[in-house]
All heavy atoms as atom14 arrays in JSON, in Angstrom:
{
  "sequence": "TDGRVEVRGSRTRRRKSKRADYVLEFRPNIAVAVVEAKRYKYSVGH",
  "atom14_mask": [
    [1, 1, 1, 1, 1, 1, 1, 0, 0, 0, 0, 0, 0, 0],
    [1, 1, 1, 1, 1, 1, 1, 1, 0, 0, 0, 0, 0, 0],
    [1, 1, 1, 1, 0, 0, 0, 0, 0, 0, 0, 0, 0, 0],
    [1, 1, 1, 1, 1, 1, 1, 1, 1, 1, 1, 0, 0, 0],
    [1, 1, 1, 1, 1, 1, 1, 0, 0, 0, 0, 0, 0, 0],
    [1, 1, 1, 1, 1, 1, 1, 1, 1, 0, 0, 0, 0, 0],
    [1, 1, 1, 1, 1, 1, 1, 0, 0, 0, 0, 0, 0, 0],
    [1, 1, 1, 1, 1, 1, 1, 1, 1, 1, 1, 0, 0, 0],
    [1, 1, 1, 1, 0, 0, 0, 0, 0, 0, 0, 0, 0, 0],
    [1, 1, 1, 1, 1, 1, 0, 0, 0, 0, 0, 0, 0, 0],
    [1, 1, 1, 1, 1, 1, 1, 1, 1, 1, 1, 0, 0, 0],
    [1, 1, 1, 1, 1, 1, 1, 0, 0, 0, 0, 0, 0, 0],
    [1, 1, 1, 1, 1, 1, 1, 1, 1, 1, 1, 0, 0, 0],
    [1, 1, 1, 1, 1, 1, 1, 1, 1, 1, 1, 0, 0, 0],
    [1, 1, 1, 1, 1, 1, 1, 1, 1, 1, 1, 0, 0, 0],
    [1, 1, 1, 1, 1, 1, 1, 1, 1, 0, 0, 0, 0, 0],
    [1, 1, 1, 1, 1, 1, 0, 0, 0, 0, 0, 0, 0, 0],
    [1, 1, 1, 1, 1, 1, 1, 1, 1, 0, 0, 0, 0, 0],
    [1, 1, 1, 1, 1, 1, 1, 1, 1, 1, 1, 0, 0, 0],
    [1, 1, 1, 1, 1, 0, 0, 0, 0, 0, 0, 0, 0, 0],
    [1, 1, 1, 1, 1, 1, 1, 1, 0, 0, 0, 0, 0, 0],
    [1, 1, 1, 1, 1, 1, 1, 1, 1, 1, 1, 1, 0, 0],
    [1, 1, 1, 1, 1, 1, 1, 0, 0, 0, 0, 0, 0, 0],
    [1, 1, 1, 1, 1, 1, 1, 1, 0, 0, 0, 0, 0, 0],
    [1, 1, 1, 1, 1, 1, 1, 1, 1, 0, 0, 0, 0, 0],
    [1, 1, 1, 1, 1, 1, 1, 1, 1, 1, 1, 0, 0, 0],
    [1, 1, 1, 1, 1, 1, 1, 1, 1, 1, 1, 0, 0, 0],
    [1, 1, 1, 1, 1, 1, 1, 0, 0, 0, 0, 0, 0, 0],
    [1, 1, 1, 1, 1, 1, 1, 1, 0, 0, 0, 0, 0, 0],
    [1, 1, 1, 1, 1, 1, 1, 1, 0, 0, 0, 0, 0, 0],
    [1, 1, 1, 1, 1, 0, 0, 0, 0, 0, 0, 0, 0, 0],
    [1, 1, 1, 1, 1, 1, 1, 0, 0, 0, 0, 0, 0, 0],
    [1, 1, 1, 1, 1, 0, 0, 0, 0, 0, 0, 0, 0, 0],
    [1, 1, 1, 1, 1, 1, 1, 0, 0, 0, 0, 0, 0, 0],
    [1, 1, 1, 1, 1, 1, 1, 0, 0, 0, 0, 0, 0, 0],
    [1, 1, 1, 1, 1, 1, 1, 1, 1, 0, 0, 0, 0, 0],
    [1, 1, 1, 1, 1, 0, 0, 0, 0, 0, 0, 0, 0, 0],
    [1, 1, 1, 1, 1, 1, 1, 1, 1, 0, 0, 0, 0, 0],
    [1, 1, 1, 1, 1, 1, 1, 1, 1, 1, 1, 0, 0, 0],
    [1, 1, 1, 1, 1, 1, 1, 1, 1, 1, 1, 1, 0, 0],
    [1, 1, 1, 1, 1, 1, 1, 1, 1, 0, 0, 0, 0, 0],
    [1, 1, 1, 1, 1, 1, 1, 1, 1, 1, 1, 1, 0, 0],
    [1, 1, 1, 1, 1, 1, 0, 0, 0, 0, 0, 0, 0, 0],
    [1, 1, 1, 1, 1, 1, 1, 0, 0, 0, 0, 0, 0, 0],
    [1, 1, 1, 1, 0, 0, 0, 0, 0, 0, 0, 0, 0, 0],
    [1, 1, 1, 1, 1, 1, 1, 1, 1, 1, 0, 0, 0, 0]
  ],
  "atom14_positions": [
    [[-113.34, -99.15, 5.5], [-114.4, -100.14, 5.34], [-113.86, -101.36, 4.61], [-112.87, -101.28, 3.89], [-115.59, -99.59, 4.54], [-115.18, -99.38, 3.18], [-116.08, -98.26, 5.12], [0.0, 0.0, 0.0], [0.0, 0.0, 0.0], [0.0, 0.0, 0.0], [0.0, 0.0, 0.0], [0.0, 0.0, 0.0], [0.0, 0.0, 0.0], [0.0, 0.0, 0.0]],
    [[-114.54, -102.49, 4.79], [-114.16, -103.72, 4.09], [-114.73, -103.78, 2.69], [-114.39, -104.68, 1.92], [-114.63, -104.94, 4.88], [-113.91, -105.08, 6.21], [-112.76, -104.62, 6.3], [-114.5, -105.61, 7.16], [0.0, 0.0, 0.0], [0.0, 0.0, 0.0], [0.0, 0.0, 0.0], [0.0, 0.0, 0.0], [0.0, 0.0, 0.0], [0.0, 0.0, 0.0]],
    [[-115.6, -102.85, 2.36], [-116.25, -102.87, 1.05], [-117.66, -103.39, 1.15], [-117.92, -104.39, 1.83], [0.0, 0.0, 0.0], [0.0, 0.0, 0.0], [0.0, 0.0, 0.0], [0.0, 0.0, 0.0], [0.0, 0.0, 0.0], [0.0, 0.0, 0.0], [0.0, 0.0, 0.0], [0.0, 0.0, 0.0], [0.0, 0.0, 0.0], [0.0, 0.0, 0.0]],
    [[-118.57, -102.72, 0.46], [-119.98, -103.11, 0.51], [-120.19, -104.47, -0.17], [-119.62, -104.76, -1.22], [-120.83, -102.06, -0.21], [-122.33, -102.31, -0.13], [-123.06, -101.3, -0.98], [-122.84, -99.95, -0.48], [-123.58, -99.39, 0.48], [-124.56, -100.08, 1.05], [-123.34, -98.15, 0.87], [0.0, 0.0, 0.0], [0.0, 0.0, 0.0], [0.0, 0.0, 0.0]],
    [[-121.02, -105.33, 0.44], [-121.36, -106.63, -0.13], [-122.61, -106.47, -1.0], [-123.65, -106.0, -0.53], [-121.61, -107.68, 0.97], [-122.07, -109.0, 0.34], [-120.35, -107.9, 1.8], [0.0, 0.0, 0.0], [0.0, 0.0, 0.0], [0.0, 0.0, 0.0], [0.0, 0.0, 0.0], [0.0, 0.0, 0.0], [0.0, 0.0, 0.0], [0.0, 0.0, 0.0]],
    [[-122.5, -106.84, -2.26], [-123.62, -106.75, -3.19], [-124.17, -108.14, -3.46], [-123.4, -109.09, -3.67], [-123.18, -106.1, -4.5], [-122.79, -104.64, -4.37], [-122.42, -104.03, -5.7], [-122.07, -104.81, -6.63], [-122.47, -102.8, -5.83], [0.0, 0.0, 0.0], [0.0, 0.0, 0.0], [0.0, 0.0, 0.0], [0.0, 0.0, 0.0], [0.0, 0.0, 0.0]],
    [[-125.5, -108.27, -3.44], [-126.16, -109.56, -3.67], [-127.0, -109.45, -4.94], [-127.84, -108.56, -5.05], [-127.05, -109.95, -2.48], [-127.73, -111.3, -2.74], [-126.23, -109.99, -1.18], [0.0, 0.0, 0.0], [0.0, 0.0, 0.0], [0.0, 0.0, 0.0], [0.0, 0.0, 0.0], [0.0, 0.0, 0.0], [0.0, 0.0, 0.0], [0.0, 0.0, 0.0]],
    [[-126.73, -110.35, -5.88], [-127.5, -110.43, -7.12], [-127.93, -111.86, -7.33], [-127.15, -112.71, -7.75], [-126.67, -109.93, -8.3], [-126.34, -108.44, -8.22], [-125.56, -107.97, -9.43], [-125.26, -106.54, -9.38], [-124.58, -105.88, -10.3], [-124.14, -106.54, -11.38], [-124.35, -104.6, -10.18], [0.0, 0.0, 0.0], [0.0, 0.0, 0.0], [0.0, 0.0, 0.0]],
    [[-129.19, -112.12, -6.99], [-129.68, -113.49, -7.07], [-128.95, -114.36, -6.05], [-128.95, -114.09, -4.85], [0.0, 0.0, 0.0], [0.0, 0.0, 0.0], [0.0, 0.0, 0.0], [0.0, 0.0, 0.0], [0.0, 0.0, 0.0], [0.0, 0.0, 0.0], [0.0, 0.0, 0.0], [0.0, 0.0, 0.0], [0.0, 0.0, 0.0], [0.0, 0.0, 0.0]],
    [[-128.32, -115.41, -6.54], [-127.57, -116.32, -5.65], [-126.1, -115.94, -5.58], [-125.31, -116.61, -4.93], [-127.71, -117.76, -6.15], [-127.18, -117.89, -7.46], [0.0, 0.0, 0.0], [0.0, 0.0, 0.0], [0.0, 0.0, 0.0], [0.0, 0.0, 0.0], [0.0, 0.0, 0.0], [0.0, 0.0, 0.0], [0.0, 0.0, 0.0], [0.0, 0.0, 0.0]],
    [[-125.71, -114.85, -6.24], [-124.31, -114.45, -6.27], [-124.06, -113.24, -5.37], [-124.91, -112.35, -5.23], [-123.87, -114.09, -7.69], [-123.78, -115.29, -8.61], [-123.34, -114.84, -9.98], [-122.62, -115.89, -10.68], [-122.03, -115.73, -11.85], [-122.05, -114.54, -12.42], [-121.4, -116.72, -12.44], [0.0, 0.0, 0.0], [0.0, 0.0, 0.0], [0.0, 0.0, 0.0]],
    [[-122.9, -113.24, -4.76], [-122.5, -112.1, -3.93], [-121.09, -111.68, -4.32], [-120.29, -112.48, -4.79], [-122.5, -112.46, -2.43], [-121.56, -113.5, -2.19], [-123.88, -112.88, -1.97], [0.0, 0.0, 0.0], [0.0, 0.0, 0.0], [0.0, 0.0, 0.0], [0.0, 0.0, 0.0], [0.0, 0.0, 0.0], [0.0, 0.0, 0.0], [0.0, 0.0, 0.0]],
    [[-120.83, -110.41, -4.15], [-119.47, -109.93, -4.35], [-119.24, -108.73, -3.44], [-120.17, -108.0, -3.09], [-119.23, -109.52, -5.8], [-119.95, -108.25, -6.23], [-119.37, -107.69, -7.51], [-119.96, -106.41, -7.85], [-119.46, -105.58, -8.76], [-118.38, -105.93, -9.44], [-120.04, -104.42, -9.01], [0.0, 0.0, 0.0], [0.0, 0.0, 0.0], [0.0, 0.0, 0.0]],
    [[-118.0, -108.57, -3.03], [-117.65, -107.45, -2.18], [-116.95, -106.38, -3.01], [-115.99, -106.66, -3.72], [-116.73, -107.9, -1.04], [-116.45, -106.77, -0.04], [-115.53, -107.23, 1.09], [-116.18, -108.18, 1.96], [-116.98, -107.85, 2.97], [-117.25, -106.58, 3.2], [-117.51, -108.78, 3.73], [0.0, 0.0, 0.0], [0.0, 0.0, 0.0], [0.0, 0.0, 0.0]],
    [[-117.47, -105.17, -2.92], [-116.86, -104.06, -3.65], [-115.54, -103.65, -3.01], [-115.21, -104.09, -1.91], [-117.83, -102.87, -3.7], [-119.13, -103.18, -4.41], [-120.01, -101.97, -4.52], [-119.4, -100.93, -5.35], [-119.97, -99.76, -5.58], [-121.13, -99.47, -5.02], [-119.37, -98.85, -6.35], [0.0, 0.0, 0.0], [0.0, 0.0, 0.0], [0.0, 0.0, 0.0]],
    [[-114.8, -102.82, -3.68], [-113.48, -102.42, -3.21], [-113.57, -101.72, -1.86], [-114.47, -100.91, -1.62], [-112.84, -101.47, -4.24], [-111.41, -101.12, -3.94], [-110.83, -100.23, -5.03], [-109.38, -99.86, -4.72], [-108.79, -98.99, -5.77], [0.0, 0.0, 0.0], [0.0, 0.0, 0.0], [0.0, 0.0, 0.0], [0.0, 0.0, 0.0], [0.0, 0.0, 0.0]],
    [[-112.65, -102.06, -0.98], [-112.63, -101.45, 0.34], [-112.18, -100.0, 0.26], [-111.54, -99.58, -0.71], [-111.69, -102.22, 1.27], [-110.36, -102.16, 0.77], [0.0, 0.0, 0.0], [0.0, 0.0, 0.0], [0.0, 0.0, 0.0], [0.0, 0.0, 0.0], [0.0, 0.0, 0.0], [0.0, 0.0, 0.0], [0.0, 0.0, 0.0], [0.0, 0.0, 0.0]],
    [[-112.52, -99.23, 1.28], [-112.08, -97.83, 1.36], [-110.89, -97.75, 2.3], [-110.93, -98.27, 3.41], [-113.23, -96.94, 1.84], [-114.36, -96.83, 0.83], [-115.42, -95.86, 1.29], [-116.52, -95.72, 0.23], [-117.58, -94.79, 0.66], [0.0, 0.0, 0.0], [0.0, 0.0, 0.0], [0.0, 0.0, 0.0], [0.0, 0.0, 0.0], [0.0, 0.0, 0.0]],
    [[-109.86, -97.05, 1.83], [-108.61, -96.99, 2.58], [-107.97, -95.62, 2.34], [-107.69, -95.24, 1.21], [-107.68, -98.11, 2.1], [-106.39, -98.28, 2.85], [-105.59, -99.4, 2.22], [-106.28, -100.66, 2.28], [-106.08, -101.57, 3.24], [-105.2, -101.32, 4.18], [-106.75, -102.7, 3.24], [0.0, 0.0, 0.0], [0.0, 0.0, 0.0], [0.0, 0.0, 0.0]],
    [[-107.77, -94.87, 3.41], [-107.15, -93.55, 3.3], [-105.64, -93.71, 3.19], [-105.03, -94.5, 3.93], [-107.5, -92.69, 4.51], [0.0, 0.0, 0.0], [0.0, 0.0, 0.0], [0.0, 0.0, 0.0], [0.0, 0.0, 0.0], [0.0, 0.0, 0.0], [0.0, 0.0, 0.0], [0.0, 0.0, 0.0], [0.0, 0.0, 0.0], [0.0, 0.0, 0.0]],
    [[-105.01, -92.96, 2.28], [-103.56, -93.05, 2.14], [-102.85, -92.67, 3.43], [-101.89, -93.32, 3.85], [-103.09, -92.15, 0.99], [-103.45, -92.73, -0.37], [-103.5, -93.96, -0.49], [-103.7, -91.95, -1.3], [0.0, 0.0, 0.0], [0.0, 0.0, 0.0], [0.0, 0.0, 0.0], [0.0, 0.0, 0.0], [0.0, 0.0, 0.0], [0.0, 0.0, 0.0]],
    [[-103.32, -91.59, 4.06], [-102.76, -91.17, 5.35], [-103.88, -90.65, 6.25], [-104.73, -89.9, 5.8], [-101.76, -90.01, 5.2], [-100.48, -90.31, 4.46], [-100.41, -90.18, 3.07], [-99.32, -90.67, 5.14], [-99.24, -90.42, 2.39], [-98.12, -90.91, 4.46], [-98.09, -90.78, 3.09], [-96.93, -91.02, 2.41], [0.0, 0.0, 0.0], [0.0, 0.0, 0.0]],
    [[-103.82, -91.05, 7.5], [-104.6, -90.38, 8.55], [-103.6, -89.89, 9.58], [-102.77, -90.67, 10.07], [-105.62, -91.34, 9.21], [-106.26, -90.68, 10.43], [-106.7, -91.75, 8.21], [0.0, 0.0, 0.0], [0.0, 0.0, 0.0], [0.0, 0.0, 0.0], [0.0, 0.0, 0.0], [0.0, 0.0, 0.0], [0.0, 0.0, 0.0], [0.0, 0.0, 0.0]],
    [[-103.65, -88.6, 9.88], [-102.72, -88.0, 10.83], [-103.41, -87.85, 12.18], [-104.52, -87.3, 12.26], [-102.23, -86.64, 10.32], [-101.57, -86.64, 8.94], [-101.05, -85.25, 8.6], [-100.42, -87.65, 8.87], [0.0, 0.0, 0.0], [0.0, 0.0, 0.0], [0.0, 0.0, 0.0], [0.0, 0.0, 0.0], [0.0, 0.0, 0.0], [0.0, 0.0, 0.0]],
    [[-102.76, -88.36, 13.22], [-103.34, -88.36, 14.56], [-102.45, -87.55, 15.51], [-101.25, -87.79, 15.6], [-103.48, -89.79, 15.07], [-104.36, -90.65, 14.18], [-104.44, -92.11, 14.62], [-103.54, -92.56, 15.37], [-105.4, -92.78, 14.24], [0.0, 0.0, 0.0], [0.0, 0.0, 0.0], [0.0, 0.0, 0.0], [0.0, 0.0, 0.0], [0.0, 0.0, 0.0]],
    [[-103.05, -86.61, 16.24], [-102.28, -85.85, 17.21], [-101.77, -86.76, 18.3], [-100.62, -86.66, 18.74], [-103.12, -84.72, 17.8], [-102.36, -83.89, 18.8], [-101.35, -83.02, 18.39], [-102.63, -83.99, 20.16], [-100.64, -82.28, 19.31], [-101.92, -83.25, 21.09], [-100.92, -82.38, 20.66], [0.0, 0.0, 0.0], [0.0, 0.0, 0.0], [0.0, 0.0, 0.0]],
    [[-102.66, -87.64, 18.78], [-102.29, -88.75, 19.67], [-102.93, -90.0, 19.09], [-103.89, -89.9, 18.31], [-102.74, -88.5, 21.11], [-102.03, -87.3, 21.77], [-102.37, -87.2, 23.24], [-101.84, -88.32, 24.0], [-100.59, -88.37, 24.48], [-99.75, -87.39, 24.26], [-100.19, -89.41, 25.19], [0.0, 0.0, 0.0], [0.0, 0.0, 0.0], [0.0, 0.0, 0.0]],
    [[-102.46, -91.19, 19.43], [-103.03, -92.4, 18.84], [-104.56, -92.44, 18.95], [-105.11, -92.25, 20.03], [-102.38, -93.52, 19.67], [-101.04, -92.95, 20.06], [-101.31, -91.5, 20.32], [0.0, 0.0, 0.0], [0.0, 0.0, 0.0], [0.0, 0.0, 0.0], [0.0, 0.0, 0.0], [0.0, 0.0, 0.0], [0.0, 0.0, 0.0], [0.0, 0.0, 0.0]],
    [[-105.22, -92.62, 17.81], [-106.68, -92.71, 17.68], [-107.4, -91.37, 17.8], [-108.63, -91.33, 17.81], [-107.26, -93.7, 18.68], [-106.73, -95.1, 18.47], [-106.75, -95.62, 17.36], [-106.23, -95.72, 19.53], [0.0, 0.0, 0.0], [0.0, 0.0, 0.0], [0.0, 0.0, 0.0], [0.0, 0.0, 0.0], [0.0, 0.0, 0.0], [0.0, 0.0, 0.0]],
    [[-106.65, -90.27, 17.87], [-107.27, -88.94, 17.88], [-106.87, -88.25, 16.58], [-105.87, -87.55, 16.48], [-106.83, -88.12, 19.11], [-107.17, -88.88, 20.4], [-107.5, -86.75, 19.1], [-106.73, -88.18, 21.67], [0.0, 0.0, 0.0], [0.0, 0.0, 0.0], [0.0, 0.0, 0.0], [0.0, 0.0, 0.0], [0.0, 0.0, 0.0], [0.0, 0.0, 0.0]],
    [[-107.66, -88.51, 15.54], [-107.34, -88.06, 14.18], [-107.69, -86.6, 13.97], [-108.71, -86.11, 14.5], [-108.07, -88.92, 13.16], [0.0, 0.0, 0.0], [0.0, 0.0, 0.0], [0.0, 0.0, 0.0], [0.0, 0.0, 0.0], [0.0, 0.0, 0.0], [0.0, 0.0, 0.0], [0.0, 0.0, 0.0], [0.0, 0.0, 0.0], [0.0, 0.0, 0.0]],
    [[-106.86, -85.9, 13.19], [-107.13, -84.49, 12.87], [-107.08, -84.21, 11.37], [-107.6, -83.19, 10.91], [-106.15, -83.54, 13.59], [-106.37, -83.59, 15.09], [-104.7, -83.87, 13.24], [0.0, 0.0, 0.0], [0.0, 0.0, 0.0], [0.0, 0.0, 0.0], [0.0, 0.0, 0.0], [0.0, 0.0, 0.0], [0.0, 0.0, 0.0], [0.0, 0.0, 0.0]],
    [[-106.45, -85.09, 10.58], [-106.27, -84.78, 9.16], [-106.23, -86.05, 8.31], [-105.87, -87.13, 8.78], [-104.98, -83.98, 8.95], [0.0, 0.0, 0.0], [0.0, 0.0, 0.0], [0.0, 0.0, 0.0], [0.0, 0.0, 0.0], [0.0, 0.0, 0.0], [0.0, 0.0, 0.0], [0.0, 0.0, 0.0], [0.0, 0.0, 0.0], [0.0, 0.0, 0.0]],
    [[-106.59, -85.87, 7.05], [-106.52, -86.92, 6.03], [-105.69, -86.4, 4.87], [-105.83, -85.24, 4.47], [-107.93, -87.33, 5.54], [-107.83, -88.23, 4.32], [-108.71, -88.01, 6.64], [0.0, 0.0, 0.0], [0.0, 0.0, 0.0], [0.0, 0.0, 0.0], [0.0, 0.0, 0.0], [0.0, 0.0, 0.0], [0.0, 0.0, 0.0], [0.0, 0.0, 0.0]],
    [[-104.81, -87.25, 4.34], [-103.99, -86.89, 3.17], [-104.2, -87.96, 2.11], [-104.03, -89.15, 2.37], [-102.49, -86.8, 3.52], [-101.69, -86.36, 2.29], [-102.25, -85.86, 4.69], [0.0, 0.0, 0.0], [0.0, 0.0, 0.0], [0.0, 0.0, 0.0], [0.0, 0.0, 0.0], [0.0, 0.0, 0.0], [0.0, 0.0, 0.0], [0.0, 0.0, 0.0]],
    [[-104.57, -87.52, 0.91], [-104.76, -88.45, -0.21], [-103.67, -88.2, -1.25], [-103.41, -87.05, -1.63], [-106.14, -88.27, -0.83], [-106.51, -89.32, -1.87], [-106.55, -90.74, -1.3], [-106.8, -90.89, -0.08], [-106.34, -91.68, -2.1], [0.0, 0.0, 0.0], [0.0, 0.0, 0.0], [0.0, 0.0, 0.0], [0.0, 0.0, 0.0], [0.0, 0.0, 0.0]],
    [[-103.02, -89.27, -1.69], [-101.91, -89.15, -2.64], [-102.33, -89.64, -4.02], [-103.13, -90.57, -4.16], [-100.72, -89.98, -2.14], [0.0, 0.0, 0.0], [0.0, 0.0, 0.0], [0.0, 0.0, 0.0], [0.0, 0.0, 0.0], [0.0, 0.0, 0.0], [0.0, 0.0, 0.0], [0.0, 0.0, 0.0], [0.0, 0.0, 0.0], [0.0, 0.0, 0.0]],
    [[-101.77, -89.0, -5.05], [-101.97, -89.41, -6.43], [-100.63, -89.34, -7.17], [-99.67, -88.72, -6.7], [-102.98, -88.49, -7.12], [-104.39, -88.58, -6.56], [-104.98, -89.96, -6.69], [-106.37, -90.05, -6.09], [-106.92, -91.43, -6.14], [0.0, 0.0, 0.0], [0.0, 0.0, 0.0], [0.0, 0.0, 0.0], [0.0, 0.0, 0.0], [0.0, 0.0, 0.0]],
    [[-100.57, -90.0, -8.31], [-99.34, -89.97, -9.11], [-99.1, -88.56, -9.65], [-100.0, -87.74, -9.76], [-99.43, -90.98, -10.25], [-99.43, -92.43, -9.78], [-99.35, -93.38, -10.96], [-98.07, -93.21, -11.68], [-97.75, -93.9, -12.77], [-98.59, -94.79, -13.27], [-96.59, -93.69, -13.37], [0.0, 0.0, 0.0], [0.0, 0.0, 0.0], [0.0, 0.0, 0.0]],
    [[-97.85, -88.3, -10.03], [-97.42, -86.97, -10.45], [-98.14, -86.5, -11.72], [-98.3, -85.29, -11.94], [-95.91, -86.96, -10.68], [-95.34, -85.61, -10.99], [-95.25, -84.63, -10.0], [-94.88, -85.3, -12.27], [-94.73, -83.38, -10.28], [-94.37, -84.04, -12.56], [-94.29, -83.09, -11.56], [-93.76, -81.85, -11.84], [0.0, 0.0, 0.0], [0.0, 0.0, 0.0]],
    [[-98.6, -87.44, -12.53], [-99.27, -87.05, -13.78], [-100.61, -86.35, -13.53], [-101.16, -85.72, -14.43], [-99.46, -88.27, -14.68], [-100.45, -89.29, -14.15], [-100.61, -90.45, -15.14], [-101.64, -91.46, -14.65], [-101.83, -92.57, -15.62], [0.0, 0.0, 0.0], [0.0, 0.0, 0.0], [0.0, 0.0, 0.0], [0.0, 0.0, 0.0], [0.0, 0.0, 0.0]],
    [[-101.14, -86.5, -12.3], [-102.38, -85.83, -11.95], [-102.09, -84.49, -11.29], [-100.98, -84.25, -10.8], [-103.21, -86.7, -11.0], [-103.64, -88.03, -11.6], [-103.04, -89.22, -11.19], [-104.63, -88.08, -12.57], [-103.42, -90.43, -11.73], [-105.03, -89.29, -13.12], [-104.42, -90.47, -12.7], [-104.8, -91.66, -13.25], [0.0, 0.0, 0.0], [0.0, 0.0, 0.0]],
    [[-103.07, -83.62, -11.23], [-102.9, -82.32, -10.57], [-102.78, -82.51, -9.06], [-103.17, -83.55, -8.52], [-104.08, -81.41, -10.88], [-105.26, -81.9, -10.26], [0.0, 0.0, 0.0], [0.0, 0.0, 0.0], [0.0, 0.0, 0.0], [0.0, 0.0, 0.0], [0.0, 0.0, 0.0], [0.0, 0.0, 0.0], [0.0, 0.0, 0.0], [0.0, 0.0, 0.0]],
    [[-102.26, -81.5, -8.4], [-102.05, -81.59, -6.95], [-103.37, -81.79, -6.21], [-103.41, -82.4, -5.14], [-101.3, -80.33, -6.44], [-102.2, -79.1, -6.54], [-100.82, -80.51, -5.01], [0.0, 0.0, 0.0], [0.0, 0.0, 0.0], [0.0, 0.0, 0.0], [0.0, 0.0, 0.0], [0.0, 0.0, 0.0], [0.0, 0.0, 0.0], [0.0, 0.0, 0.0]],
    [[-104.47, -81.29, -6.76], [-105.76, -81.42, -6.09], [-106.63, -82.55, -6.58], [-107.81, -82.63, -6.21], [0.0, 0.0, 0.0], [0.0, 0.0, 0.0], [0.0, 0.0, 0.0], [0.0, 0.0, 0.0], [0.0, 0.0, 0.0], [0.0, 0.0, 0.0], [0.0, 0.0, 0.0], [0.0, 0.0, 0.0], [0.0, 0.0, 0.0], [0.0, 0.0, 0.0]],
    [[-106.07, -83.44, -7.41], [-106.88, -84.5, -8.02], [-107.51, -85.41, -6.97], [-108.62, -85.92, -7.17], [-106.01, -85.33, -8.96], [-106.77, -86.35, -9.75], [-107.51, -86.01, -10.88], [-106.94, -87.69, -9.58], [-108.08, -87.1, -11.36], [-107.76, -88.13, -10.6], [0.0, 0.0, 0.0], [0.0, 0.0, 0.0], [0.0, 0.0, 0.0], [0.0, 0.0, 0.0]]
  ]
}
């Protein structure tokens, strides 16, 4: 996603976009898995 647009009065801001670290596709555009990565200081399941 590009990030949700929030409107407060006359001001707008876009929240942080969503981006998967890895999407694994058996064939192009046929996704089967997602992999999320974190730094080593975090647990493997963080």
